[in-house]
All heavy atoms as atom14 arrays in JSON, in Angstrom:
{
  "sequence": "NLVGPATLDHIWDRHIVDSLQLLELAP",
  "atom14_mask": [
    [1, 1, 1, 1, 1, 1, 1, 1, 0, 0, 0, 0, 0, 0],
    [1, 1, 1, 1, 1, 1, 1, 1, 0, 0, 0, 0, 0, 0],
    [1, 1, 1, 1, 1, 1, 1, 0, 0, 0, 0, 0, 0, 0],
    [1, 1, 1, 1, 0, 0, 0, 0, 0, 0, 0, 0, 0, 0],
    [1, 1, 1, 1, 1, 1, 1, 0, 0, 0, 0, 0, 0, 0],
    [1, 1, 1, 1, 1, 0, 0, 0, 0, 0, 0, 0, 0, 0],
    [1, 1, 1, 1, 1, 1, 1, 0, 0, 0, 0, 0, 0, 0],
    [1, 1, 1, 1, 1, 1, 1, 1, 0, 0, 0, 0, 0, 0],
    [1, 1, 1, 1, 1, 1, 1, 1, 0, 0, 0, 0, 0, 0],
    [1, 1, 1, 1, 1, 1, 1, 1, 1, 1, 0, 0, 0, 0],
    [1, 1, 1, 1, 1, 1, 1, 1, 0, 0, 0, 0, 0, 0],
    [1, 1, 1, 1, 1, 1, 1, 1, 1, 1, 1, 1, 1, 1],
    [1, 1, 1, 1, 1, 1, 1, 1, 0, 0, 0, 0, 0, 0],
    [1, 1, 1, 1, 1, 1, 1, 1, 1, 1, 1, 0, 0, 0],
    [1, 1, 1, 1, 1, 1, 1, 1, 1, 1, 0, 0, 0, 0],
    [1, 1, 1, 1, 1, 1, 1, 1, 0, 0, 0, 0, 0, 0],
    [1, 1, 1, 1, 1, 1, 1, 0, 0, 0, 0, 0, 0, 0],
    [1, 1, 1, 1, 1, 1, 1, 1, 0, 0, 0, 0, 0, 0],
    [1, 1, 1, 1, 1, 1, 0, 0, 0, 0, 0, 0, 0, 0],
    [1, 1, 1, 1, 1, 1, 1, 1, 0, 0, 0, 0, 0, 0],
    [1, 1, 1, 1, 1, 1, 1, 1, 1, 0, 0, 0, 0, 0],
    [1, 1, 1, 1, 1, 1, 1, 1, 0, 0, 0, 0, 0, 0],
    [1, 1, 1, 1, 1, 1, 1, 1, 0, 0, 0, 0, 0, 0],
    [1, 1, 1, 1, 1, 1, 1, 1, 1, 0, 0, 0, 0, 0],
    [1, 1, 1, 1, 1, 1, 1, 1, 0, 0, 0, 0, 0, 0],
    [1, 1, 1, 1, 1, 0, 0, 0, 0, 0, 0, 0, 0, 0],
    [1, 1, 1, 1, 1, 1, 1, 0, 0, 0, 0, 0, 0, 0]
  ],
  "atom14_positions": [
    [[43.49, -24.54, 77.52], [42.13, -23.99, 77.32], [42.16, -22.57, 76.83], [41.68, -21.63, 77.51], [41.32, -24.15, 78.64], [39.85, -23.88, 78.42], [39.33, -24.17, 77.31], [39.24, -23.33, 79.39], [0.0, 0.0, 0.0], [0.0, 0.0, 0.0], [0.0, 0.0, 0.0], [0.0, 0.0, 0.0], [0.0, 0.0, 0.0], [0.0, 0.0, 0.0]],
    [[42.73, -22.37, 75.63], [42.86, -20.98, 75.12], [41.66, -20.41, 74.52], [41.5, -19.17, 74.45], [44.06, -21.06, 74.06], [45.42, -21.47, 74.61], [46.4, -21.59, 73.48], [45.88, -20.5, 75.71], [0.0, 0.0, 0.0], [0.0, 0.0, 0.0], [0.0, 0.0, 0.0], [0.0, 0.0, 0.0], [0.0, 0.0, 0.0], [0.0, 0.0, 0.0]],
    [[40.8, -21.24, 73.88], [39.58, -20.77, 73.22], [38.41, -21.6, 73.74], [38.59, -22.66, 74.34], [39.7, -20.83, 71.7], [40.81, -19.96, 71.15], [39.87, -22.29, 71.24], [0.0, 0.0, 0.0], [0.0, 0.0, 0.0], [0.0, 0.0, 0.0], [0.0, 0.0, 0.0], [0.0, 0.0, 0.0], [0.0, 0.0, 0.0], [0.0, 0.0, 0.0]],
    [[37.2, -21.11, 73.43], [36.02, -21.92, 73.84], [36.03, -23.24, 73.18], [36.17, -23.34, 71.9], [0.0, 0.0, 0.0], [0.0, 0.0, 0.0], [0.0, 0.0, 0.0], [0.0, 0.0, 0.0], [0.0, 0.0, 0.0], [0.0, 0.0, 0.0], [0.0, 0.0, 0.0], [0.0, 0.0, 0.0], [0.0, 0.0, 0.0], [0.0, 0.0, 0.0]],
    [[35.93, -24.35, 73.91], [35.97, -25.7, 73.34], [35.0, -25.89, 72.18], [35.27, -26.63, 71.24], [35.67, -26.62, 74.52], [36.04, -25.83, 75.74], [35.75, -24.37, 75.4], [0.0, 0.0, 0.0], [0.0, 0.0, 0.0], [0.0, 0.0, 0.0], [0.0, 0.0, 0.0], [0.0, 0.0, 0.0], [0.0, 0.0, 0.0], [0.0, 0.0, 0.0]],
    [[33.85, -25.26, 72.26], [32.83, -25.48, 71.24], [33.27, -24.93, 69.86], [32.71, -25.27, 68.84], [31.52, -24.83, 71.65], [0.0, 0.0, 0.0], [0.0, 0.0, 0.0], [0.0, 0.0, 0.0], [0.0, 0.0, 0.0], [0.0, 0.0, 0.0], [0.0, 0.0, 0.0], [0.0, 0.0, 0.0], [0.0, 0.0, 0.0], [0.0, 0.0, 0.0]],
    [[34.27, -24.03, 69.88], [34.73, -23.44, 68.62], [35.79, -24.21, 67.95], [36.21, -23.87, 66.82], [35.19, -21.96, 68.83], [36.48, -21.98, 69.55], [34.2, -21.14, 69.61], [0.0, 0.0, 0.0], [0.0, 0.0, 0.0], [0.0, 0.0, 0.0], [0.0, 0.0, 0.0], [0.0, 0.0, 0.0], [0.0, 0.0, 0.0], [0.0, 0.0, 0.0]],
    [[36.37, -25.23, 68.56], [37.51, -25.97, 67.99], [37.21, -26.62, 66.68], [38.12, -26.68, 65.78], [37.94, -27.05, 68.99], [39.02, -26.62, 70.03], [39.44, -27.84, 70.83], [40.23, -25.97, 69.37], [0.0, 0.0, 0.0], [0.0, 0.0, 0.0], [0.0, 0.0, 0.0], [0.0, 0.0, 0.0], [0.0, 0.0, 0.0], [0.0, 0.0, 0.0]],
    [[35.98, -27.06, 66.47], [35.62, -27.66, 65.2], [35.35, -26.67, 64.1], [35.13, -27.09, 62.94], [34.35, -28.58, 65.38], [34.59, -29.8, 66.21], [35.77, -30.23, 66.24], [33.65, -30.34, 66.81], [0.0, 0.0, 0.0], [0.0, 0.0, 0.0], [0.0, 0.0, 0.0], [0.0, 0.0, 0.0], [0.0, 0.0, 0.0], [0.0, 0.0, 0.0]],
    [[35.44, -25.36, 64.44], [35.22, -24.36, 63.45], [36.31, -23.28, 63.55], [36.05, -22.11, 63.38], [33.85, -23.72, 63.71], [32.71, -24.66, 63.79], [32.12, -25.28, 62.65], [32.07, -25.23, 64.89], [31.16, -26.13, 63.04], [31.13, -26.11, 64.38], [0.0, 0.0, 0.0], [0.0, 0.0, 0.0], [0.0, 0.0, 0.0], [0.0, 0.0, 0.0]],
    [[37.54, -23.73, 63.73], [38.63, -22.79, 63.95], [38.76, -21.82, 62.77], [39.01, -20.61, 62.93], [39.96, -23.54, 64.21], [39.95, -24.18, 65.59], [41.15, -22.6, 64.03], [41.18, -25.01, 65.89], [0.0, 0.0, 0.0], [0.0, 0.0, 0.0], [0.0, 0.0, 0.0], [0.0, 0.0, 0.0], [0.0, 0.0, 0.0], [0.0, 0.0, 0.0]],
    [[38.64, -22.36, 61.55], [38.89, -21.51, 60.38], [37.85, -20.45, 60.22], [38.16, -19.27, 60.04], [39.03, -22.38, 59.13], [40.38, -23.0, 59.11], [40.78, -24.13, 59.69], [41.57, -22.4, 58.48], [42.16, -24.34, 59.51], [42.61, -23.29, 58.77], [41.78, -21.23, 57.78], [43.94, -23.02, 58.34], [43.12, -21.02, 57.35], [44.16, -21.87, 57.65]],
    [[36.56, -20.83, 60.29], [35.5, -19.83, 60.11], [35.38, -18.89, 61.31], [35.33, -17.71, 61.18], [34.16, -20.51, 59.87], [34.06, -21.09, 58.41], [34.79, -20.65, 57.6], [33.29, -22.02, 58.29], [0.0, 0.0, 0.0], [0.0, 0.0, 0.0], [0.0, 0.0, 0.0], [0.0, 0.0, 0.0], [0.0, 0.0, 0.0], [0.0, 0.0, 0.0]],
    [[35.38, -19.48, 62.52], [35.15, -18.73, 63.72], [36.25, -17.87, 64.13], [36.11, -16.8, 64.77], [34.75, -19.71, 64.89], [33.41, -20.37, 64.75], [32.28, -19.34, 65.06], [32.35, -18.82, 66.41], [31.86, -19.46, 67.48], [31.25, -20.61, 67.37], [31.92, -18.86, 68.64], [0.0, 0.0, 0.0], [0.0, 0.0, 0.0], [0.0, 0.0, 0.0]],
    [[37.49, -18.29, 63.79], [38.66, -17.56, 64.31], [39.55, -17.03, 63.19], [39.82, -15.81, 63.16], [39.45, -18.47, 65.21], [38.76, -18.87, 66.47], [38.26, -17.97, 67.36], [38.48, -20.09, 66.99], [37.65, -18.54, 68.38], [37.77, -19.87, 68.18], [0.0, 0.0, 0.0], [0.0, 0.0, 0.0], [0.0, 0.0, 0.0], [0.0, 0.0, 0.0]],
    [[40.0, -17.85, 62.29], [41.05, -17.41, 61.28], [40.41, -16.55, 60.19], [40.89, -15.42, 60.03], [41.75, -18.64, 60.73], [42.54, -19.37, 61.85], [42.7, -18.22, 59.6], [43.28, -20.6, 61.44], [0.0, 0.0, 0.0], [0.0, 0.0, 0.0], [0.0, 0.0, 0.0], [0.0, 0.0, 0.0], [0.0, 0.0, 0.0], [0.0, 0.0, 0.0]],
    [[39.41, -17.07, 59.51], [38.79, -16.26, 58.46], [38.11, -15.03, 59.0], [38.16, -13.93, 58.43], [37.79, -17.11, 57.64], [37.13, -16.24, 56.56], [38.5, -18.27, 56.96], [0.0, 0.0, 0.0], [0.0, 0.0, 0.0], [0.0, 0.0, 0.0], [0.0, 0.0, 0.0], [0.0, 0.0, 0.0], [0.0, 0.0, 0.0], [0.0, 0.0, 0.0]],
    [[37.54, -15.19, 60.2], [36.85, -14.03, 60.85], [37.89, -13.0, 61.15], [37.56, -11.76, 61.03], [36.22, -14.56, 62.16], [35.36, -13.48, 62.74], [34.33, -13.08, 62.14], [35.59, -13.04, 63.89], [0.0, 0.0, 0.0], [0.0, 0.0, 0.0], [0.0, 0.0, 0.0], [0.0, 0.0, 0.0], [0.0, 0.0, 0.0], [0.0, 0.0, 0.0]],
    [[39.06, -13.36, 61.49], [40.15, -12.37, 61.79], [40.68, -11.76, 60.48], [40.92, -10.58, 60.39], [41.33, -13.08, 62.58], [40.88, -13.52, 63.79], [0.0, 0.0, 0.0], [0.0, 0.0, 0.0], [0.0, 0.0, 0.0], [0.0, 0.0, 0.0], [0.0, 0.0, 0.0], [0.0, 0.0, 0.0], [0.0, 0.0, 0.0], [0.0, 0.0, 0.0]],
    [[40.85, -12.58, 59.48], [41.45, -12.12, 58.24], [40.7, -10.97, 57.53], [41.24, -10.11, 56.94], [41.59, -13.28, 57.19], [42.78, -14.22, 57.34], [42.65, -15.41, 56.43], [44.07, -13.43, 57.11], [0.0, 0.0, 0.0], [0.0, 0.0, 0.0], [0.0, 0.0, 0.0], [0.0, 0.0, 0.0], [0.0, 0.0, 0.0], [0.0, 0.0, 0.0]],
    [[39.36, -11.0, 57.69], [38.59, -10.02, 57.03], [38.87, -8.57, 57.5], [38.67, -7.64, 56.76], [37.05, -10.33, 57.18], [36.56, -10.25, 58.59], [35.1, -10.59, 58.68], [34.29, -10.36, 57.77], [34.64, -11.25, 59.82], [0.0, 0.0, 0.0], [0.0, 0.0, 0.0], [0.0, 0.0, 0.0], [0.0, 0.0, 0.0], [0.0, 0.0, 0.0]],
    [[39.43, -8.43, 58.69], [39.74, -7.11, 59.16], [40.89, -6.49, 58.33], [41.0, -5.26, 58.23], [40.16, -7.12, 60.65], [39.06, -7.62, 61.65], [39.6, -7.41, 63.07], [37.76, -6.9, 61.47], [0.0, 0.0, 0.0], [0.0, 0.0, 0.0], [0.0, 0.0, 0.0], [0.0, 0.0, 0.0], [0.0, 0.0, 0.0], [0.0, 0.0, 0.0]],
    [[41.77, -7.32, 57.81], [42.94, -6.82, 57.1], [42.48, -6.03, 55.85], [43.12, -5.01, 55.54], [43.77, -8.02, 56.64], [45.25, -7.74, 56.34], [45.99, -7.12, 57.53], [45.89, -9.04, 55.87], [0.0, 0.0, 0.0], [0.0, 0.0, 0.0], [0.0, 0.0, 0.0], [0.0, 0.0, 0.0], [0.0, 0.0, 0.0], [0.0, 0.0, 0.0]],
    [[41.39, -6.44, 55.25], [40.93, -5.71, 54.06], [40.3, -4.38, 54.37], [40.13, -3.57, 53.51], [39.91, -6.62, 53.29], [40.46, -8.0, 52.93], [39.33, -8.87, 52.44], [38.2, -8.41, 52.2], [39.56, -10.1, 52.27], [0.0, 0.0, 0.0], [0.0, 0.0, 0.0], [0.0, 0.0, 0.0], [0.0, 0.0, 0.0], [0.0, 0.0, 0.0]],
    [[39.94, -4.16, 55.65], [39.26, -2.93, 56.01], [40.25, -1.8, 56.31], [39.87, -0.65, 56.55], [38.39, -3.18, 57.23], [37.3, -4.25, 57.01], [36.46, -4.4, 58.29], [36.43, -3.94, 55.82], [0.0, 0.0, 0.0], [0.0, 0.0, 0.0], [0.0, 0.0, 0.0], [0.0, 0.0, 0.0], [0.0, 0.0, 0.0], [0.0, 0.0, 0.0]],
    [[41.52, -2.1, 56.36], [42.54, -1.07, 56.59], [43.75, -1.46, 55.76], [44.88, -1.77, 56.35], [42.91, -1.0, 58.09], [0.0, 0.0, 0.0], [0.0, 0.0, 0.0], [0.0, 0.0, 0.0], [0.0, 0.0, 0.0], [0.0, 0.0, 0.0], [0.0, 0.0, 0.0], [0.0, 0.0, 0.0], [0.0, 0.0, 0.0], [0.0, 0.0, 0.0]],
    [[43.67, -1.41, 54.46], [44.74, -1.88, 53.55], [46.06, -1.08, 53.64], [47.1, -1.57, 53.3], [44.12, -1.81, 52.18], [43.04, -0.73, 52.33], [42.51, -0.97, 53.67], [0.0, 0.0, 0.0], [0.0, 0.0, 0.0], [0.0, 0.0, 0.0], [0.0, 0.0, 0.0], [0.0, 0.0, 0.0], [0.0, 0.0, 0.0], [0.0, 0.0, 0.0]]
  ]
}
């Protein structure tokens, strides 16, 4: 039970892509 169960169907948008956008803010 590592993340909220409701977010499992949206792992890419809610977690992965959401995280990736930070990389561009500190190149």
